[in-house]
Amino acid sequence: MFRAVSRRIIRCNPFENTKYEKEKKKIRFLQKSDVMKLMAMRINDREAELARLMFVFSCFTGMAIADMESLEYSHIQTAADGRKYIRKERQKTKVEFIVPLHPIAEAIISHSRNAQARNKEQQTVKEKGDSLVFQPHCSRSVMGKNLCIVGKACGIRQRLSYHVACHTFGTMSLSAGIPIESIAKMIGHASISSTQIYAQVTDNKISEDMDRLIAKQSAKEKETMEREVYEPNSANSL
């Protein structure tokens, strides 16, 4: 259209002042039941099992794959009340995030620490990256493929990715009643507007649940009415 104007084929661009609405980005996340399936599953393959553990860890911390790969034990701190939390800078936004450790996330860290301790006993030379919580020995693309295998093994239809895990954390946190400002701080969003998408998802979920409830009640009412019509009581039948 701009080329047509420059060549004087048309006088002006009829769409010059037209505003286009950006299509709302749909996020993918898991239901709690699917997260429970992943938690219960155990994989014999070492790298696939690590992919599963990191996915579950992300579901309870909201951490992106890049932040988990660079997570060190020094990033795990203890508050005055004895509760542990992660304080780290998010690689994507360079914004510091603080997330309290859920017992499940804390258990995964303990598991990784114990596994690394056992491996160290078998090593004579200290390797680089011993301070890292997660130490995958394959590329991120292979980790993604392993994650898909884990998802299929759990019977989860949705294709798994670490973005899905982050979104799962956001939606579960909001559904649990955690203020959106706190979620933004835990995830490391530069502004709350980035976190608002989880509120939209939760609102839609509430509407869908209410629609199902209304439909279920309507079906019951219809069944009751039909019973009254086709099965009159004894008083009316006399």
C-alpha atoms as a PDB file:
ATOM      1  CA  MET A   1       0.000   0.000   0.000  1.00  0.00           C
ATOM      2  CA  PHE A   2       2.860   2.400   0.839  1.00  0.00           C
ATOM      3  CA  ARG A   3       4.512   1.499  -2.458  1.00  0.00           C
ATOM      4  CA  ALA A   4       1.290   2.318  -4.325  1.00  0.00           C
ATOM      5  CA  VAL A   5       1.207   5.755  -2.673  1.00  0.00           C
ATOM      6  CA  SER A   6       4.885   6.419  -3.476  1.00  0.00           C
ATOM      7  CA  ARG A   7       4.245   5.508  -7.134  1.00  0.00           C
ATOM      8  CA  ARG A   8       1.157   7.749  -7.125  1.00  0.00           C
ATOM      9  CA  ILE A   9      -1.079   4.859  -8.087  1.00  0.00           C
ATOM     10  CA  ILE A  10      -3.352   5.951  -5.247  1.00  0.00           C
ATOM     11  CA  ARG A  11      -3.466   9.287  -3.451  1.00  0.00           C
ATOM     12  CA  CYS A  12      -3.251   8.018   0.094  1.00  0.00           C
ATOM     13  CA  ASN A  13      -3.213   4.897   2.193  1.00  0.00           C
ATOM     14  CA  PRO A  14      -6.824   4.262   3.267  1.00  0.00           C
ATOM     15  CA  PHE A  15      -5.588   2.168   6.208  1.00  0.00           C
ATOM     16  CA  GLU A  16      -3.015   4.670   7.474  1.00  0.00           C
ATOM     17  CA  ASN A  17      -4.927   5.569  10.647  1.00  0.00           C
ATOM     18  CA  THR A  18      -6.366   2.123  11.209  1.00  0.00           C
ATOM     19  CA  LYS A  19      -5.547   0.594  14.577  1.00  0.00           C
ATOM     20  CA  TYR A  20      -4.983  -3.119  14.780  1.00  0.00           C
ATOM     21  CA  GLU A  21      -5.755  -5.021  17.916  1.00  0.00           C
ATOM     22  CA  LYS A  22      -2.976  -7.333  18.940  1.00  0.00           C
ATOM     23  CA  GLU A  23      -4.191 -10.886  19.315  1.00  0.00           C
ATOM     24  CA  LYS A  24      -4.140 -11.935  22.942  1.00  0.00           C
ATOM     25  CA  LYS A  25      -1.416 -14.424  23.599  1.00  0.00           C
ATOM     26  CA  LYS A  26      -2.745 -17.729  24.857  1.00  0.00           C
ATOM     27  CA  ILE A  27      -0.585 -19.446  27.413  1.00  0.00           C
ATOM     28  CA  ARG A  28      -0.365 -23.164  28.002  1.00  0.00           C
ATOM     29  CA  PHE A  29      -0.268 -24.586  31.500  1.00  0.00           C
ATOM     30  CA  LEU A  30      -0.973 -27.838  33.303  1.00  0.00           C
ATOM     31  CA  GLN A  31      -3.799 -28.678  35.639  1.00  0.00           C
ATOM     32  CA  LYS A  32      -2.857 -29.736  39.146  1.00  0.00           C
ATOM     33  CA  SER A  33      -3.769 -33.360  38.349  1.00  0.00           C
ATOM     34  CA  ASP A  34      -1.152 -33.468  35.572  1.00  0.00           C
ATOM     35  CA  VAL A  35       1.483 -31.971  37.875  1.00  0.00           C
ATOM     36  CA  MET A  36       0.696 -34.734  40.373  1.00  0.00           C
ATOM     37  CA  LYS A  37       1.267 -37.341  37.640  1.00  0.00           C
ATOM     38  CA  LEU A  38       4.701 -35.891  36.920  1.00  0.00           C
ATOM     39  CA  MET A  39       5.566 -35.861  40.605  1.00  0.00           C
ATOM     40  CA  ALA A  40       4.641 -39.530  40.983  1.00  0.00           C
ATOM     41  CA  MET A  41       6.561 -40.690  37.895  1.00  0.00           C
ATOM     42  CA  ARG A  42      10.130 -42.024  38.119  1.00  0.00           C
ATOM     43  CA  ILE A  43      12.316 -42.448  35.022  1.00  0.00           C
ATOM     44  CA  ASN A  44      15.278 -44.836  34.841  1.00  0.00           C
ATOM     45  CA  ASP A  45      17.117 -42.734  32.250  1.00  0.00           C
ATOM     46  CA  ARG A  46      19.285 -40.200  34.096  1.00  0.00           C
ATOM     47  CA  GLU A  47      18.828 -37.240  31.739  1.00  0.00           C
ATOM     48  CA  ALA A  48      15.089 -37.820  31.295  1.00  0.00           C
ATOM     49  CA  GLU A  49      14.688 -38.002  35.076  1.00  0.00           C
ATOM     50  CA  LEU A  50      16.580 -34.729  35.453  1.00  0.00           C
ATOM     51  CA  ALA A  51      14.318 -33.142  32.821  1.00  0.00           C
ATOM     52  CA  ARG A  52      11.299 -34.276  34.865  1.00  0.00           C
ATOM     53  CA  LEU A  53      12.733 -32.958  38.145  1.00  0.00           C
ATOM     54  CA  MET A  54      13.564 -29.572  36.618  1.00  0.00           C
ATOM     55  CA  PHE A  55      10.062 -29.296  35.147  1.00  0.00           C
ATOM     56  CA  VAL A  56       8.442 -30.030  38.518  1.00  0.00           C
ATOM     57  CA  PHE A  57      10.879 -27.600  40.172  1.00  0.00           C
ATOM     58  CA  SER A  58       9.795 -24.890  37.738  1.00  0.00           C
ATOM     59  CA  CYS A  59       6.120 -25.615  38.474  1.00  0.00           C
ATOM     60  CA  PHE A  60       6.775 -24.703  42.122  1.00  0.00           C
ATOM     61  CA  THR A  61       9.235 -21.836  41.634  1.00  0.00           C
ATOM     62  CA  GLY A  62       8.318 -20.274  38.282  1.00  0.00           C
ATOM     63  CA  MET A  63      11.962 -20.381  37.187  1.00  0.00           C
ATOM     64  CA  ALA A  64      12.825 -20.430  33.491  1.00  0.00           C
ATOM     65  CA  ILE A  65      15.155 -23.100  32.115  1.00  0.00           C
ATOM     66  CA  ALA A  66      18.031 -20.591  31.757  1.00  0.00           C
ATOM     67  CA  ASP A  67      17.709 -19.576  35.409  1.00  0.00           C
ATOM     68  CA  MET A  68      17.588 -23.185  36.592  1.00  0.00           C
ATOM     69  CA  GLU A  69      20.696 -24.032  34.576  1.00  0.00           C
ATOM     70  CA  SER A  70      22.605 -21.236  36.336  1.00  0.00           C
ATOM     71  CA  LEU A  71      21.077 -21.792  39.790  1.00  0.00           C
ATOM     72  CA  GLU A  72      23.786 -22.163  42.433  1.00  0.00           C
ATOM     73  CA  TYR A  73      23.484 -23.282  46.033  1.00  0.00           C
ATOM     74  CA  SER A  74      24.630 -19.799  47.042  1.00  0.00           C
ATOM     75  CA  HIS A  75      21.378 -18.415  45.598  1.00  0.00           C
ATOM     76  CA  ILE A  76      19.453 -20.354  48.250  1.00  0.00           C
ATOM     77  CA  GLN A  77      19.212 -18.289  51.424  1.00  0.00           C
ATOM     78  CA  THR A  78      17.532 -18.665  54.798  1.00  0.00           C
ATOM     79  CA  ALA A  79      15.206 -16.052  56.302  1.00  0.00           C
ATOM     80  CA  ALA A  80      15.063 -15.097  59.988  1.00  0.00           C
ATOM     81  CA  ASP A  81      12.141 -17.465  60.514  1.00  0.00           C
ATOM     82  CA  GLY A  82      14.187 -20.359  59.121  1.00  0.00           C
ATOM     83  CA  ARG A  83      12.335 -20.527  55.823  1.00  0.00           C
ATOM     84  CA  LYS A  84      14.473 -20.957  52.718  1.00  0.00           C
ATOM     85  CA  TYR A  85      14.077 -18.931  49.551  1.00  0.00           C
ATOM     86  CA  ILE A  86      15.850 -18.292  46.241  1.00  0.00           C
ATOM     87  CA  ARG A  87      17.246 -14.835  45.501  1.00  0.00           C
ATOM     88  CA  LYS A  88      18.612 -14.491  41.993  1.00  0.00           C
ATOM     89  CA  GLU A  89      18.653 -12.227  38.948  1.00  0.00           C
ATOM     90  CA  ARG A  90      16.534 -13.392  36.060  1.00  0.00           C
ATOM     91  CA  GLN A  91      18.672 -13.749  32.952  1.00  0.00           C
ATOM     92  CA  LYS A  92      15.985 -12.573  30.533  1.00  0.00           C
ATOM     93  CA  THR A  93      14.921  -9.354  32.277  1.00  0.00           C
ATOM     94  CA  LYS A  94      17.922  -8.759  34.587  1.00  0.00           C
ATOM     95  CA  VAL A  95      15.355  -8.239  37.348  1.00  0.00           C
ATOM     96  CA  GLU A  96      15.990  -9.781  40.750  1.00  0.00           C
ATOM     97  CA  PHE A  97      13.403 -12.305  41.854  1.00  0.00           C
ATOM     98  CA  ILE A  98      12.721 -13.742  45.292  1.00  0.00           C
ATOM     99  CA  VAL A  99      10.717 -16.942  45.624  1.00  0.00           C
ATOM    100  CA  PRO A 100      10.135 -18.887  48.869  1.00  0.00           C
ATOM    101  CA  LEU A 101      10.952 -22.569  48.515  1.00  0.00           C
ATOM    102  CA  HIS A 102       7.926 -24.823  48.422  1.00  0.00           C
ATOM    103  CA  PRO A 103       8.588 -28.110  50.304  1.00  0.00           C
ATOM    104  CA  ILE A 104       8.522 -29.979  46.979  1.00  0.00           C
ATOM    105  CA  ALA A 105      11.117 -27.638  45.449  1.00  0.00           C
ATOM    106  CA  GLU A 106      13.227 -27.930  48.604  1.00  0.00           C
ATOM    107  CA  ALA A 107      13.051 -31.737  48.388  1.00  0.00           C
ATOM    108  CA  ILE A 108      14.291 -31.620  44.767  1.00  0.00           C
ATOM    109  CA  ILE A 109      17.266 -29.480  45.823  1.00  0.00           C
ATOM    110  CA  SER A 110      18.092 -31.941  48.612  1.00  0.00           C
ATOM    111  CA  HIS A 111      17.830 -34.804  46.125  1.00  0.00           C
ATOM    112  CA  SER A 112      20.245 -33.063  43.733  1.00  0.00           C
ATOM    113  CA  ARG A 113      22.690 -32.289  46.537  1.00  0.00           C
ATOM    114  CA  ASN A 114      22.702 -35.904  47.747  1.00  0.00           C
ATOM    115  CA  ALA A 115      23.116 -37.264  44.204  1.00  0.00           C
ATOM    116  CA  GLN A 116      26.049 -34.921  43.588  1.00  0.00           C
ATOM    117  CA  ALA A 117      27.630 -35.942  46.897  1.00  0.00           C
ATOM    118  CA  ARG A 118      27.478 -39.600  45.877  1.00  0.00           C
ATOM    119  CA  ASN A 119      29.064 -38.788  42.517  1.00  0.00           C
ATOM    120  CA  LYS A 120      31.865 -36.808  44.175  1.00  0.00           C
ATOM    121  CA  GLU A 121      32.825 -39.823  46.256  1.00  0.00           C
ATOM    122  CA  GLN A 122      33.526 -41.656  43.002  1.00  0.00           C
ATOM    123  CA  GLN A 123      35.557 -38.799  41.510  1.00  0.00           C
ATOM    124  CA  THR A 124      39.200 -38.061  42.193  1.00  0.00           C
ATOM    125  CA  VAL A 125      39.196 -34.646  40.507  1.00  0.00           C
ATOM    126  CA  LYS A 126      36.729 -31.889  41.330  1.00  0.00           C
ATOM    127  CA  GLU A 127      34.738 -30.886  38.262  1.00  0.00           C
ATOM    128  CA  LYS A 128      33.633 -27.429  37.213  1.00  0.00           C
ATOM    129  CA  GLY A 129      30.069 -26.485  38.078  1.00  0.00           C
ATOM    130  CA  ASP A 130      29.974 -28.292  41.418  1.00  0.00           C
ATOM    131  CA  SER A 131      28.162 -25.280  42.860  1.00  0.00           C
ATOM    132  CA  LEU A 132      25.256 -25.703  40.401  1.00  0.00           C
ATOM    133  CA  VAL A 133      22.048 -27.275  41.689  1.00  0.00           C
ATOM    134  CA  PHE A 134      21.189 -28.844  38.322  1.00  0.00           C
ATOM    135  CA  GLN A 135      23.918 -30.306  36.131  1.00  0.00           C
ATOM    136  CA  PRO A 136      22.481 -31.610  32.845  1.00  0.00           C
ATOM    137  CA  HIS A 137      24.983 -33.349  30.579  1.00  0.00           C
ATOM    138  CA  CYS A 138      23.050 -32.769  27.358  1.00  0.00           C
ATOM    139  CA  SER A 139      21.884 -29.847  25.239  1.00  0.00           C
ATOM    140  CA  ARG A 140      18.700 -27.935  25.937  1.00  0.00           C
ATOM    141  CA  SER A 141      17.071 -29.394  22.808  1.00  0.00           C
ATOM    142  CA  VAL A 142      17.741 -32.921  24.080  1.00  0.00           C
ATOM    143  CA  MET A 143      16.300 -31.902  27.448  1.00  0.00           C
ATOM    144  CA  GLY A 144      13.163 -30.767  25.626  1.00  0.00           C
ATOM    145  CA  LYS A 145      12.864 -34.078  23.790  1.00  0.00           C
ATOM    146  CA  ASN A 146      13.322 -35.975  27.056  1.00  0.00           C
ATOM    147  CA  LEU A 147      10.612 -33.835  28.604  1.00  0.00           C
ATOM    148  CA  CYS A 148       8.183 -34.772  25.830  1.00  0.00           C
ATOM    149  CA  ILE A 149       8.955 -38.452  26.425  1.00  0.00           C
ATOM    150  CA  VAL A 150       8.246 -37.991  30.132  1.00  0.00           C
ATOM    151  CA  GLY A 151       4.941 -36.272  29.368  1.00  0.00           C
ATOM    152  CA  LYS A 152       3.796 -39.119  27.124  1.00  0.00           C
ATOM    153  CA  ALA A 153       4.855 -41.671  29.752  1.00  0.00           C
ATOM    154  CA  CYS A 154       2.638 -39.835  32.258  1.00  0.00           C
ATOM    155  CA  GLY A 155      -0.306 -39.817  29.850  1.00  0.00           C
ATOM    156  CA  ILE A 156      -0.294 -36.027  29.501  1.00  0.00           C
ATOM    157  CA  ARG A 157      -1.706 -34.954  26.137  1.00  0.00           C
ATOM    158  CA  GLN A 158      -0.256 -31.464  26.155  1.00  0.00           C
ATOM    159  CA  ARG A 159       3.261 -31.044  24.806  1.00  0.00           C
ATOM    160  CA  LEU A 160       5.525 -30.188  27.714  1.00  0.00           C
ATOM    161  CA  SER A 161       8.043 -27.371  27.723  1.00  0.00           C
ATOM    162  CA  TYR A 162       9.670 -25.328  30.460  1.00  0.00           C
ATOM    163  CA  HIS A 163       7.531 -22.358  29.416  1.00  0.00           C
ATOM    164  CA  VAL A 164       4.507 -24.494  30.302  1.00  0.00           C
ATOM    165  CA  ALA A 165       6.035 -25.132  33.735  1.00  0.00           C
ATOM    166  CA  CYS A 166       6.534 -21.392  34.366  1.00  0.00           C
ATOM    167  CA  HIS A 167       2.951 -20.654  33.323  1.00  0.00           C
ATOM    168  CA  THR A 168       1.728 -23.482  35.544  1.00  0.00           C
ATOM    169  CA  PHE A 169       3.415 -21.818  38.522  1.00  0.00           C
ATOM    170  CA  GLY A 170       1.771 -18.490  37.706  1.00  0.00           C
ATOM    171  CA  THR A 171      -1.739 -19.884  37.346  1.00  0.00           C
ATOM    172  CA  MET A 172      -1.479 -22.167  40.396  1.00  0.00           C
ATOM    173  CA  SER A 173      -0.165 -19.291  42.526  1.00  0.00           C
ATOM    174  CA  LEU A 174      -2.962 -16.953  41.473  1.00  0.00           C
ATOM    175  CA  SER A 175      -5.582 -19.662  42.003  1.00  0.00           C
ATOM    176  CA  ALA A 176      -4.169 -20.179  45.511  1.00  0.00           C
ATOM    177  CA  GLY A 177      -4.908 -16.530  46.315  1.00  0.00           C
ATOM    178  CA  ILE A 178      -1.375 -15.120  46.091  1.00  0.00           C
ATOM    179  CA  PRO A 179      -1.515 -11.409  45.101  1.00  0.00           C
ATOM    180  CA  ILE A 180      -0.454 -10.698  41.548  1.00  0.00           C
ATOM    181  CA  GLU A 181       2.170  -8.209  42.801  1.00  0.00           C
ATOM    182  CA  SER A 182       3.855 -11.003  44.777  1.00  0.00           C
ATOM    183  CA  ILE A 183       3.731 -13.359  41.791  1.00  0.00           C
ATOM    184  CA  ALA A 184       5.408 -10.718  39.610  1.00  0.00           C
ATOM    185  CA  LYS A 185       8.194 -10.396  42.191  1.00  0.00           C
ATOM    186  CA  MET A 186       8.626 -14.165  42.459  1.00  0.00           C
ATOM    187  CA  ILE A 187       8.758 -14.688  38.694  1.00  0.00           C
ATOM    188  CA  GLY A 188      10.966 -11.655  38.094  1.00  0.00           C
ATOM    189  CA  HIS A 189       8.680  -9.723  35.771  1.00  0.00           C
ATOM    190  CA  ALA A 190       9.764  -6.155  35.107  1.00  0.00           C
ATOM    191  CA  SER A 191       6.145  -4.983  35.444  1.00  0.00           C
ATOM    192  CA  ILE A 192       2.841  -6.373  36.694  1.00  0.00           C
ATOM    193  CA  SER A 193       1.393  -6.039  33.185  1.00  0.00           C
ATOM    194  CA  SER A 194       3.431  -9.103  32.179  1.00  0.00           C
ATOM    195  CA  THR A 195       1.821 -11.055  35.015  1.00  0.00           C
ATOM    196  CA  GLN A 196      -1.750  -9.952  34.213  1.00  0.00           C
ATOM    197  CA  ILE A 197      -2.039 -12.743  31.647  1.00  0.00           C
ATOM    198  CA  TYR A 198      -2.352 -15.250  34.501  1.00  0.00           C
ATOM    199  CA  ALA A 199      -5.291 -13.297  35.905  1.00  0.00           C
ATOM    200  CA  GLN A 200      -7.006 -13.540  32.516  1.00  0.00           C
ATOM    201  CA  VAL A 201      -6.462 -17.300  32.434  1.00  0.00           C
ATOM    202  CA  THR A 202      -7.820 -17.700  35.965  1.00  0.00           C
ATOM    203  CA  ASP A 203     -10.884 -15.571  35.176  1.00  0.00           C
ATOM    204  CA  ASN A 204     -11.586 -17.676  32.093  1.00  0.00           C
ATOM    205  CA  LYS A 205     -11.193 -20.855  34.134  1.00  0.00           C
ATOM    206  CA  ILE A 206     -13.691 -19.578  36.713  1.00  0.00           C
ATOM    207  CA  SER A 207     -16.177 -18.750  33.951  1.00  0.00           C
ATOM    208  CA  GLU A 208     -15.775 -22.194  32.393  1.00  0.00           C
ATOM    209  CA  ASP A 209     -16.224 -23.901  35.768  1.00  0.00           C
ATOM    210  CA  MET A 210     -19.358 -21.841  36.426  1.00  0.00           C
ATOM    211  CA  ASP A 211     -20.752 -22.704  32.985  1.00  0.00           C
ATOM    212  CA  ARG A 212     -20.229 -26.394  33.714  1.00  0.00           C
ATOM    213  CA  LEU A 213     -21.922 -26.008  37.095  1.00  0.00           C
ATOM    214  CA  ILE A 214     -24.922 -24.229  35.557  1.00  0.00           C
ATOM    215  CA  ALA A 215     -25.161 -26.865  32.818  1.00  0.00           C
ATOM    216  CA  LYS A 216     -25.037 -29.632  35.419  1.00  0.00           C
ATOM    217  CA  GLN A 217     -27.735 -27.956  37.529  1.00  0.00           C
ATOM    218  CA  SER A 218     -29.905 -27.367  34.463  1.00  0.00           C
ATOM    219  CA  ALA A 219     -29.616 -31.040  33.546  1.00  0.00           C
ATOM    220  CA  LYS A 220     -30.690 -32.048  37.053  1.00  0.00           C
ATOM    221  CA  GLU A 221     -33.639 -29.635  37.008  1.00  0.00           C
ATOM    222  CA  LYS A 222     -34.703 -30.949  33.604  1.00  0.00           C
ATOM    223  CA  GLU A 223     -34.497 -34.521  34.882  1.00  0.00           C
ATOM    224  CA  THR A 224     -36.604 -33.600  37.921  1.00  0.00           C
ATOM    225  CA  MET A 225     -39.240 -31.900  35.781  1.00  0.00           C
ATOM    226  CA  GLU A 226     -39.443 -34.889  33.435  1.00  0.00           C
ATOM    227  CA  ARG A 227     -39.837 -37.211  36.412  1.00  0.00           C
ATOM    228  CA  GLU A 228     -42.700 -35.099  37.752  1.00  0.00           C
ATOM    229  CA  VAL A 229     -44.395 -35.101  34.353  1.00  0.00           C
ATOM    230  CA  TYR A 230     -44.046 -38.793  33.574  1.00  0.00           C
ATOM    231  CA  GLU A 231     -44.260 -40.120  37.142  1.00  0.00           C
ATOM    232  CA  PRO A 232     -47.169 -38.296  38.817  1.00  0.00           C
ATOM    233  CA  ASN A 233     -47.563 -38.847  42.554  1.00  0.00           C
ATOM    234  CA  SER A 234     -50.418 -40.846  44.040  1.00  0.00           C
ATOM    235  CA  ALA A 235     -52.466 -37.769  45.046  1.00  0.00           C
ATOM    236  CA  ASN A 236     -52.616 -36.474  41.474  1.00  0.00           C
ATOM    237  CA  SER A 237     -53.284 -39.901  40.000  1.00  0.00           C
ATOM    238  CA  LEU A 238     -56.549 -40.441  41.938  1.00  0.00           C
END
